[in-house]
Amino acid sequence: MVAFNSGGISEWLTDEKVGFLVRRGNTEELAGKIETLLTNPDLAGKMGAAGRYMVETEYRLENHLERLIEVYREIARKN
């Protein structure tokens, strides 16, 4: 993954672990990081595996539903 560091991207994309964050609008840096991954398949594979693990553990449906239920419980307690 290579993405501009804007919006909430940096909340889930850990730079140099699951991909690369580049300065917003810096297309030269973006191209350079893409080239890094294209020319280094071992690094691309390592980052891809880390990203898959993150998605499978942090963004599972069960985790999302548990967090959502907790939000509803908190709202119900306040009311």
C-alpha atoms as a PDB file:
ATOM      1  CA  MET A   1       0.000   0.000   0.000  1.00  0.00           C
ATOM      2  CA  VAL A   2       1.242   3.449  -0.878  1.00  0.00           C
ATOM      3  CA  ALA A   3      -0.989   6.376   0.027  1.00  0.00           C
ATOM      4  CA  PHE A   4      -0.927  10.090   0.621  1.00  0.00           C
ATOM      5  CA  ASN A   5      -0.942  11.017   4.298  1.00  0.00           C
ATOM      6  CA  SER A   6      -4.265  12.786   4.376  1.00  0.00           C
ATOM      7  CA  GLY A   7      -7.561  12.336   6.105  1.00  0.00           C
ATOM      8  CA  GLY A   8      -7.611   9.295   8.357  1.00  0.00           C
ATOM      9  CA  ILE A   9      -5.168   7.184   6.355  1.00  0.00           C
ATOM     10  CA  SER A  10      -2.446   7.422   9.004  1.00  0.00           C
ATOM     11  CA  GLU A  11      -4.854   5.991  11.587  1.00  0.00           C
ATOM     12  CA  TRP A  12      -4.625   2.566   9.970  1.00  0.00           C
ATOM     13  CA  LEU A  13      -1.673   2.649   7.578  1.00  0.00           C
ATOM     14  CA  THR A  14       1.453   2.286   9.699  1.00  0.00           C
ATOM     15  CA  ASP A  15       4.274   3.796   7.657  1.00  0.00           C
ATOM     16  CA  GLU A  16       6.979   1.320   6.668  1.00  0.00           C
ATOM     17  CA  LYS A  17       5.088  -1.563   8.283  1.00  0.00           C
ATOM     18  CA  VAL A  18       1.989  -2.171   6.176  1.00  0.00           C
ATOM     19  CA  GLY A  19       2.917   0.280   3.452  1.00  0.00           C
ATOM     20  CA  PHE A  20       4.208   3.753   2.849  1.00  0.00           C
ATOM     21  CA  LEU A  21       2.670   7.087   3.754  1.00  0.00           C
ATOM     22  CA  VAL A  22       3.802   9.947   1.559  1.00  0.00           C
ATOM     23  CA  ARG A  23       3.331  13.654   1.965  1.00  0.00           C
ATOM     24  CA  ARG A  24       0.025  14.768   0.505  1.00  0.00           C
ATOM     25  CA  GLY A  25       0.409  15.917  -3.068  1.00  0.00           C
ATOM     26  CA  ASN A  26       4.030  14.804  -3.412  1.00  0.00           C
ATOM     27  CA  THR A  27       3.720  12.741  -6.582  1.00  0.00           C
ATOM     28  CA  GLU A  28       7.486  12.227  -6.907  1.00  0.00           C
ATOM     29  CA  GLU A  29       7.604  10.632  -3.448  1.00  0.00           C
ATOM     30  CA  LEU A  30       4.526   8.552  -4.308  1.00  0.00           C
ATOM     31  CA  ALA A  31       6.153   7.295  -7.512  1.00  0.00           C
ATOM     32  CA  GLY A  32       9.378   6.540  -5.653  1.00  0.00           C
ATOM     33  CA  LYS A  33       7.629   4.439  -3.012  1.00  0.00           C
ATOM     34  CA  ILE A  34       5.669   2.556  -5.672  1.00  0.00           C
ATOM     35  CA  GLU A  35       8.932   1.867  -7.473  1.00  0.00           C
ATOM     36  CA  THR A  36      10.469   0.665  -4.190  1.00  0.00           C
ATOM     37  CA  LEU A  37       7.741  -1.942  -3.825  1.00  0.00           C
ATOM     38  CA  LEU A  38       7.844  -2.968  -7.472  1.00  0.00           C
ATOM     39  CA  THR A  39      11.594  -3.530  -7.341  1.00  0.00           C
ATOM     40  CA  ASN A  40      11.656  -5.203  -3.920  1.00  0.00           C
ATOM     41  CA  PRO A  41       9.186  -8.106  -3.927  1.00  0.00           C
ATOM     42  CA  ASP A  42      10.372  -9.350  -0.534  1.00  0.00           C
ATOM     43  CA  LEU A  43       9.519  -6.003   1.080  1.00  0.00           C
ATOM     44  CA  ALA A  44       6.209  -5.845  -0.783  1.00  0.00           C
ATOM     45  CA  GLY A  45       5.364  -9.359   0.423  1.00  0.00           C
ATOM     46  CA  LYS A  46       6.311  -8.547   4.004  1.00  0.00           C
ATOM     47  CA  MET A  47       4.195  -5.381   4.024  1.00  0.00           C
ATOM     48  CA  GLY A  48       1.335  -7.171   2.307  1.00  0.00           C
ATOM     49  CA  ALA A  49       1.369  -9.926   4.919  1.00  0.00           C
ATOM     50  CA  ALA A  50       1.440  -7.347   7.727  1.00  0.00           C
ATOM     51  CA  GLY A  51      -1.503  -5.534   6.145  1.00  0.00           C
ATOM     52  CA  ARG A  52      -3.487  -8.730   5.776  1.00  0.00           C
ATOM     53  CA  TYR A  53      -2.819  -9.646   9.410  1.00  0.00           C
ATOM     54  CA  MET A  54      -3.946  -6.180  10.513  1.00  0.00           C
ATOM     55  CA  VAL A  55      -7.184  -6.467   8.546  1.00  0.00           C
ATOM     56  CA  GLU A  56      -7.878  -9.992   9.786  1.00  0.00           C
ATOM     57  CA  THR A  57      -7.291  -9.079  13.427  1.00  0.00           C
ATOM     58  CA  GLU A  58      -8.336  -5.441  13.775  1.00  0.00           C
ATOM     59  CA  TYR A  59     -11.080  -5.079  11.200  1.00  0.00           C
ATOM     60  CA  ARG A  60     -12.938  -8.366  11.538  1.00  0.00           C
ATOM     61  CA  LEU A  61     -16.710  -8.090  11.512  1.00  0.00           C
ATOM     62  CA  GLU A  62     -16.855  -9.440  15.062  1.00  0.00           C
ATOM     63  CA  ASN A  63     -14.577  -6.673  16.346  1.00  0.00           C
ATOM     64  CA  HIS A  64     -16.614  -4.021  14.589  1.00  0.00           C
ATOM     65  CA  LEU A  65     -19.862  -5.353  16.010  1.00  0.00           C
ATOM     66  CA  GLU A  66     -18.430  -5.569  19.534  1.00  0.00           C
ATOM     67  CA  ARG A  67     -17.338  -1.917  19.348  1.00  0.00           C
ATOM     68  CA  LEU A  68     -20.711  -0.880  17.948  1.00  0.00           C
ATOM     69  CA  ILE A  69     -22.594  -2.718  20.694  1.00  0.00           C
ATOM     70  CA  GLU A  70     -20.407  -1.051  23.310  1.00  0.00           C
ATOM     71  CA  VAL A  71     -21.247   2.370  21.848  1.00  0.00           C
ATOM     72  CA  TYR A  72     -24.966   1.560  22.070  1.00  0.00           C
ATOM     73  CA  ARG A  73     -24.576   0.336  25.650  1.00  0.00           C
ATOM     74  CA  GLU A  74     -22.776   3.532  26.618  1.00  0.00           C
ATOM     75  CA  ILE A  75     -25.543   5.638  25.057  1.00  0.00           C
ATOM     76  CA  ALA A  76     -28.198   3.565  26.837  1.00  0.00           C
ATOM     77  CA  ARG A  77     -26.405   4.008  30.200  1.00  0.00           C
ATOM     78  CA  LYS A  78     -26.343   7.781  29.742  1.00  0.00           C
ATOM     79  CA  ASN A  79     -30.019   7.913  28.946  1.00  0.00           C
END
